[in-house]
Structure formats: C-alpha cells, structure tokens
N, C-alpha and C. Protein backbone atom coordinates (compact mmCIF):
# COMPACT_ATOMS: atom_id res chain seq x y z
N MET A 1 99.56 106.18 102.49
CA MET A 1 99.14 105.25 103.51
C MET A 1 98.94 103.87 102.89
N TYR A 2 99.29 102.88 103.64
CA TYR A 2 99.05 101.51 103.21
C TYR A 2 97.55 101.25 103.31
N ASP A 3 96.91 101.07 102.18
CA ASP A 3 95.46 100.90 102.13
C ASP A 3 95.13 99.43 101.86
N LEU A 4 94.64 98.75 102.88
CA LEU A 4 94.35 97.32 102.79
C LEU A 4 93.22 97.00 101.82
N THR A 5 92.49 98.02 101.37
CA THR A 5 91.36 97.77 100.48
C THR A 5 91.74 97.86 99.00
N VAL A 6 92.95 98.27 98.68
CA VAL A 6 93.38 98.41 97.29
C VAL A 6 94.16 97.17 96.88
N PRO A 7 93.59 96.34 96.00
CA PRO A 7 94.24 95.07 95.63
C PRO A 7 95.66 95.23 95.10
N GLU A 8 95.91 96.29 94.32
CA GLU A 8 97.25 96.50 93.76
C GLU A 8 98.28 96.76 94.86
N ILE A 9 97.90 97.51 95.87
CA ILE A 9 98.81 97.79 96.99
C ILE A 9 99.03 96.53 97.80
N LYS A 10 97.96 95.81 98.07
CA LYS A 10 98.06 94.56 98.82
C LYS A 10 98.96 93.56 98.09
N ALA A 11 98.90 93.55 96.76
CA ALA A 11 99.74 92.65 95.98
C ALA A 11 101.22 93.06 96.04
N LEU A 12 101.49 94.36 96.00
CA LEU A 12 102.87 94.84 96.09
C LEU A 12 103.48 94.61 97.46
N PHE A 13 102.68 94.82 98.49
CA PHE A 13 103.16 94.72 99.87
C PHE A 13 102.23 93.82 100.67
N PRO A 14 102.38 92.49 100.55
CA PRO A 14 101.49 91.57 101.26
C PRO A 14 101.56 91.71 102.77
N SER A 15 102.66 92.25 103.27
CA SER A 15 102.79 92.42 104.72
C SER A 15 103.50 93.73 105.01
N ALA A 16 103.44 94.15 106.26
CA ALA A 16 104.14 95.36 106.68
C ALA A 16 105.64 95.18 106.56
N THR A 17 106.12 93.98 106.77
CA THR A 17 107.55 93.70 106.62
C THR A 17 107.99 93.92 105.17
N ASP A 18 107.17 93.50 104.20
CA ASP A 18 107.47 93.74 102.79
C ASP A 18 107.53 95.24 102.49
N TYR A 19 106.59 95.98 103.05
CA TYR A 19 106.57 97.44 102.88
C TYR A 19 107.83 98.05 103.49
N ALA A 20 108.22 97.62 104.68
CA ALA A 20 109.40 98.14 105.35
C ALA A 20 110.66 97.88 104.54
N LYS A 21 110.77 96.69 103.96
CA LYS A 21 111.93 96.38 103.11
C LYS A 21 111.98 97.29 101.89
N TYR A 22 110.82 97.61 101.33
CA TYR A 22 110.76 98.47 100.16
C TYR A 22 111.19 99.90 100.49
N ILE A 23 110.76 100.41 101.64
CA ILE A 23 111.07 101.81 101.96
C ILE A 23 112.42 101.98 102.65
N ALA A 24 113.07 100.89 103.07
CA ALA A 24 114.35 101.00 103.79
C ALA A 24 115.42 101.79 103.03
N PRO A 25 115.61 101.57 101.72
CA PRO A 25 116.61 102.37 101.00
C PRO A 25 116.29 103.87 100.99
N TRP A 26 115.01 104.19 100.86
CA TRP A 26 114.59 105.60 100.89
C TRP A 26 114.88 106.20 102.27
N PHE A 27 114.53 105.45 103.28
CA PHE A 27 114.74 105.88 104.66
C PHE A 27 116.22 106.18 104.88
N ALA A 28 117.09 105.25 104.48
CA ALA A 28 118.53 105.40 104.66
C ALA A 28 119.06 106.60 103.86
N ALA A 29 118.57 106.78 102.65
CA ALA A 29 119.03 107.91 101.82
C ALA A 29 118.64 109.24 102.43
N ILE A 30 117.43 109.33 102.96
CA ILE A 30 116.98 110.57 103.60
C ILE A 30 117.82 110.85 104.85
N GLN A 31 118.07 109.81 105.64
CA GLN A 31 118.90 109.98 106.83
C GLN A 31 120.30 110.44 106.47
N ALA A 32 120.87 109.88 105.40
CA ALA A 32 122.22 110.25 105.00
C ALA A 32 122.28 111.70 104.49
N ALA A 33 121.29 112.10 103.73
CA ALA A 33 121.28 113.45 103.16
C ALA A 33 120.90 114.52 104.18
N PHE A 34 120.04 114.15 105.12
CA PHE A 34 119.53 115.10 106.11
C PHE A 34 119.60 114.47 107.50
N PRO A 35 120.78 114.41 108.11
CA PRO A 35 120.95 113.70 109.37
C PRO A 35 120.05 114.16 110.52
N LYS A 36 119.62 115.40 110.49
CA LYS A 36 118.77 115.92 111.58
C LYS A 36 117.28 115.81 111.27
N ALA A 37 116.96 115.29 110.09
CA ALA A 37 115.55 115.17 109.70
C ALA A 37 114.83 114.14 110.56
N GLU A 38 113.59 114.45 110.87
CA GLU A 38 112.72 113.48 111.52
C GLU A 38 111.86 112.85 110.44
N ILE A 39 111.89 111.53 110.38
CA ILE A 39 111.24 110.82 109.28
C ILE A 39 109.97 110.14 109.78
N ALA A 40 108.90 110.31 108.99
CA ALA A 40 107.62 109.68 109.32
C ALA A 40 107.34 108.54 108.36
N LEU A 41 106.70 107.51 108.87
CA LEU A 41 106.22 106.40 108.06
C LEU A 41 104.74 106.60 107.79
N CYS A 42 104.28 106.10 106.66
CA CYS A 42 102.85 106.07 106.39
C CYS A 42 102.30 104.79 107.01
N GLY A 43 101.39 104.95 107.92
CA GLY A 43 100.83 103.80 108.64
C GLY A 43 99.53 103.32 108.06
N SER A 44 98.83 102.54 108.85
CA SER A 44 97.55 101.96 108.47
C SER A 44 96.65 101.93 109.70
N TYR A 45 95.35 101.95 109.45
CA TYR A 45 94.42 101.82 110.57
C TYR A 45 94.34 100.40 111.09
N ASP A 46 94.92 99.45 110.36
CA ASP A 46 94.95 98.07 110.80
C ASP A 46 96.02 97.94 111.88
N SER A 47 95.61 97.72 113.12
CA SER A 47 96.55 97.74 114.24
C SER A 47 97.59 96.63 114.17
N ALA A 48 97.24 95.47 113.66
CA ALA A 48 98.20 94.37 113.54
C ALA A 48 99.27 94.72 112.50
N TRP A 49 98.84 95.29 111.38
CA TRP A 49 99.78 95.69 110.34
C TRP A 49 100.71 96.77 110.86
N LEU A 50 100.16 97.75 111.56
CA LEU A 50 100.96 98.84 112.12
C LEU A 50 101.95 98.31 113.15
N ALA A 51 101.54 97.40 114.00
CA ALA A 51 102.44 96.81 115.00
C ALA A 51 103.58 96.07 114.30
N GLU A 52 103.27 95.35 113.22
CA GLU A 52 104.31 94.65 112.47
C GLU A 52 105.29 95.64 111.86
N LEU A 53 104.79 96.74 111.30
CA LEU A 53 105.65 97.77 110.71
C LEU A 53 106.58 98.37 111.77
N LEU A 54 106.03 98.69 112.92
CA LEU A 54 106.82 99.33 113.97
C LEU A 54 107.86 98.39 114.56
N ALA A 55 107.70 97.10 114.38
CA ALA A 55 108.66 96.12 114.89
C ALA A 55 109.85 95.92 113.94
N THR A 56 109.78 96.46 112.73
CA THR A 56 110.87 96.32 111.76
C THR A 56 111.97 97.34 112.09
N PRO A 57 113.17 97.15 111.55
CA PRO A 57 114.24 98.14 111.78
C PRO A 57 113.84 99.56 111.35
N VAL A 58 113.17 99.68 110.22
CA VAL A 58 112.72 100.99 109.77
C VAL A 58 111.68 101.55 110.74
N GLY A 59 110.76 100.72 111.18
CA GLY A 59 109.75 101.16 112.13
C GLY A 59 110.34 101.63 113.44
N LYS A 60 111.37 100.95 113.90
CA LYS A 60 112.03 101.34 115.16
C LYS A 60 112.83 102.63 115.00
N ALA A 61 113.31 102.91 113.80
CA ALA A 61 114.12 104.10 113.56
C ALA A 61 113.29 105.34 113.24
N ALA A 62 112.03 105.15 112.87
CA ALA A 62 111.18 106.28 112.48
C ALA A 62 110.88 107.17 113.69
N HIS A 63 110.71 108.44 113.39
CA HIS A 63 110.38 109.41 114.43
C HIS A 63 108.87 109.58 114.60
N HIS A 64 108.13 109.37 113.52
CA HIS A 64 106.68 109.61 113.52
C HIS A 64 106.00 108.59 112.61
N VAL A 65 104.70 108.45 112.81
CA VAL A 65 103.86 107.65 111.92
C VAL A 65 102.66 108.51 111.55
N THR A 66 102.34 108.56 110.27
CA THR A 66 101.16 109.29 109.84
C THR A 66 100.09 108.31 109.40
N VAL A 67 98.85 108.65 109.65
CA VAL A 67 97.71 107.89 109.16
C VAL A 67 96.73 108.94 108.63
N HIS A 68 96.36 108.80 107.38
CA HIS A 68 95.52 109.78 106.73
C HIS A 68 94.08 109.29 106.62
N VAL A 69 93.15 110.17 106.86
CA VAL A 69 91.73 109.87 106.68
C VAL A 69 91.35 110.34 105.29
N ARG A 70 90.78 109.44 104.53
CA ARG A 70 90.34 109.75 103.18
C ARG A 70 88.83 109.96 103.22
N VAL A 71 88.34 111.00 102.58
CA VAL A 71 86.90 111.25 102.53
C VAL A 71 86.39 110.77 101.18
N GLU A 72 85.39 109.90 101.23
CA GLU A 72 84.80 109.36 100.01
C GLU A 72 83.37 109.87 99.88
N GLN A 73 82.94 110.04 98.66
CA GLN A 73 81.57 110.48 98.39
C GLN A 73 80.66 109.25 98.32
N SER A 74 79.57 109.29 99.04
CA SER A 74 78.58 108.22 98.94
C SER A 74 77.23 108.84 98.59
N SER A 75 76.24 108.01 98.42
CA SER A 75 74.91 108.54 98.08
C SER A 75 74.35 109.39 99.21
N ARG A 76 74.88 109.23 100.42
CA ARG A 76 74.42 110.04 101.56
C ARG A 76 75.36 111.19 101.88
N GLY A 77 76.30 111.47 100.96
CA GLY A 77 77.23 112.57 101.17
C GLY A 77 78.60 112.07 101.57
N PRO A 78 79.53 113.00 101.84
CA PRO A 78 80.89 112.62 102.18
C PRO A 78 80.93 111.79 103.46
N ARG A 79 81.84 110.83 103.49
CA ARG A 79 82.04 110.03 104.70
C ARG A 79 83.52 109.70 104.83
N PRO A 80 84.03 109.66 106.05
CA PRO A 80 85.45 109.30 106.19
C PRO A 80 85.66 107.84 105.87
N SER A 81 86.79 107.57 105.25
CA SER A 81 87.18 106.19 104.93
C SER A 81 88.46 105.90 105.67
N CYS A 82 88.41 104.99 106.58
CA CYS A 82 89.59 104.65 107.38
C CYS A 82 90.13 103.32 106.93
N ALA A 83 90.49 103.22 105.67
CA ALA A 83 91.01 101.97 105.11
C ALA A 83 92.39 101.69 105.61
C-alpha cells in the first residue's frame, strides 16, 4: 500500500501518477503472461491520491484496488493504522 507517512515511499512516489508510471510495466507484463488475470492495485486511504491513481491508464485498467489496515502497537495496546 502507498503509505503517505513513510518518507522513503513519499520520496520515491511523490504522486499517484508517479506510482502508476512505476507499476505500468509490471501491470503490462502480468496482463501479457496471464490474459485472464484480474489485477489489483495497492491503494491508499488518502481519497485524493486514490482518485488520482484511478484516473491513470493503469488505474482505469485495474480490476480491483486493495487497501490494507496495518495494526500498530501503542502504549494502550494494538490500534489500526490507516496510513
């Protein structure tokens, strides 16, 4: 998942369009090797970022979008992190 809170990820992919350009070759290779495969994108809880991703050619071609909830440990116990 694109995690807006991780500086290294944000530096690699400043925008959803940058992320889409990066994954486009993978997307095309999977489609070529497995024409009947349904391909999912890793999304983000940031609705603007997700809308930008879905507006790209890869976003329009994807069959599904996944968004993962990460559980982090805090002093008060586990809590979901929706980064």
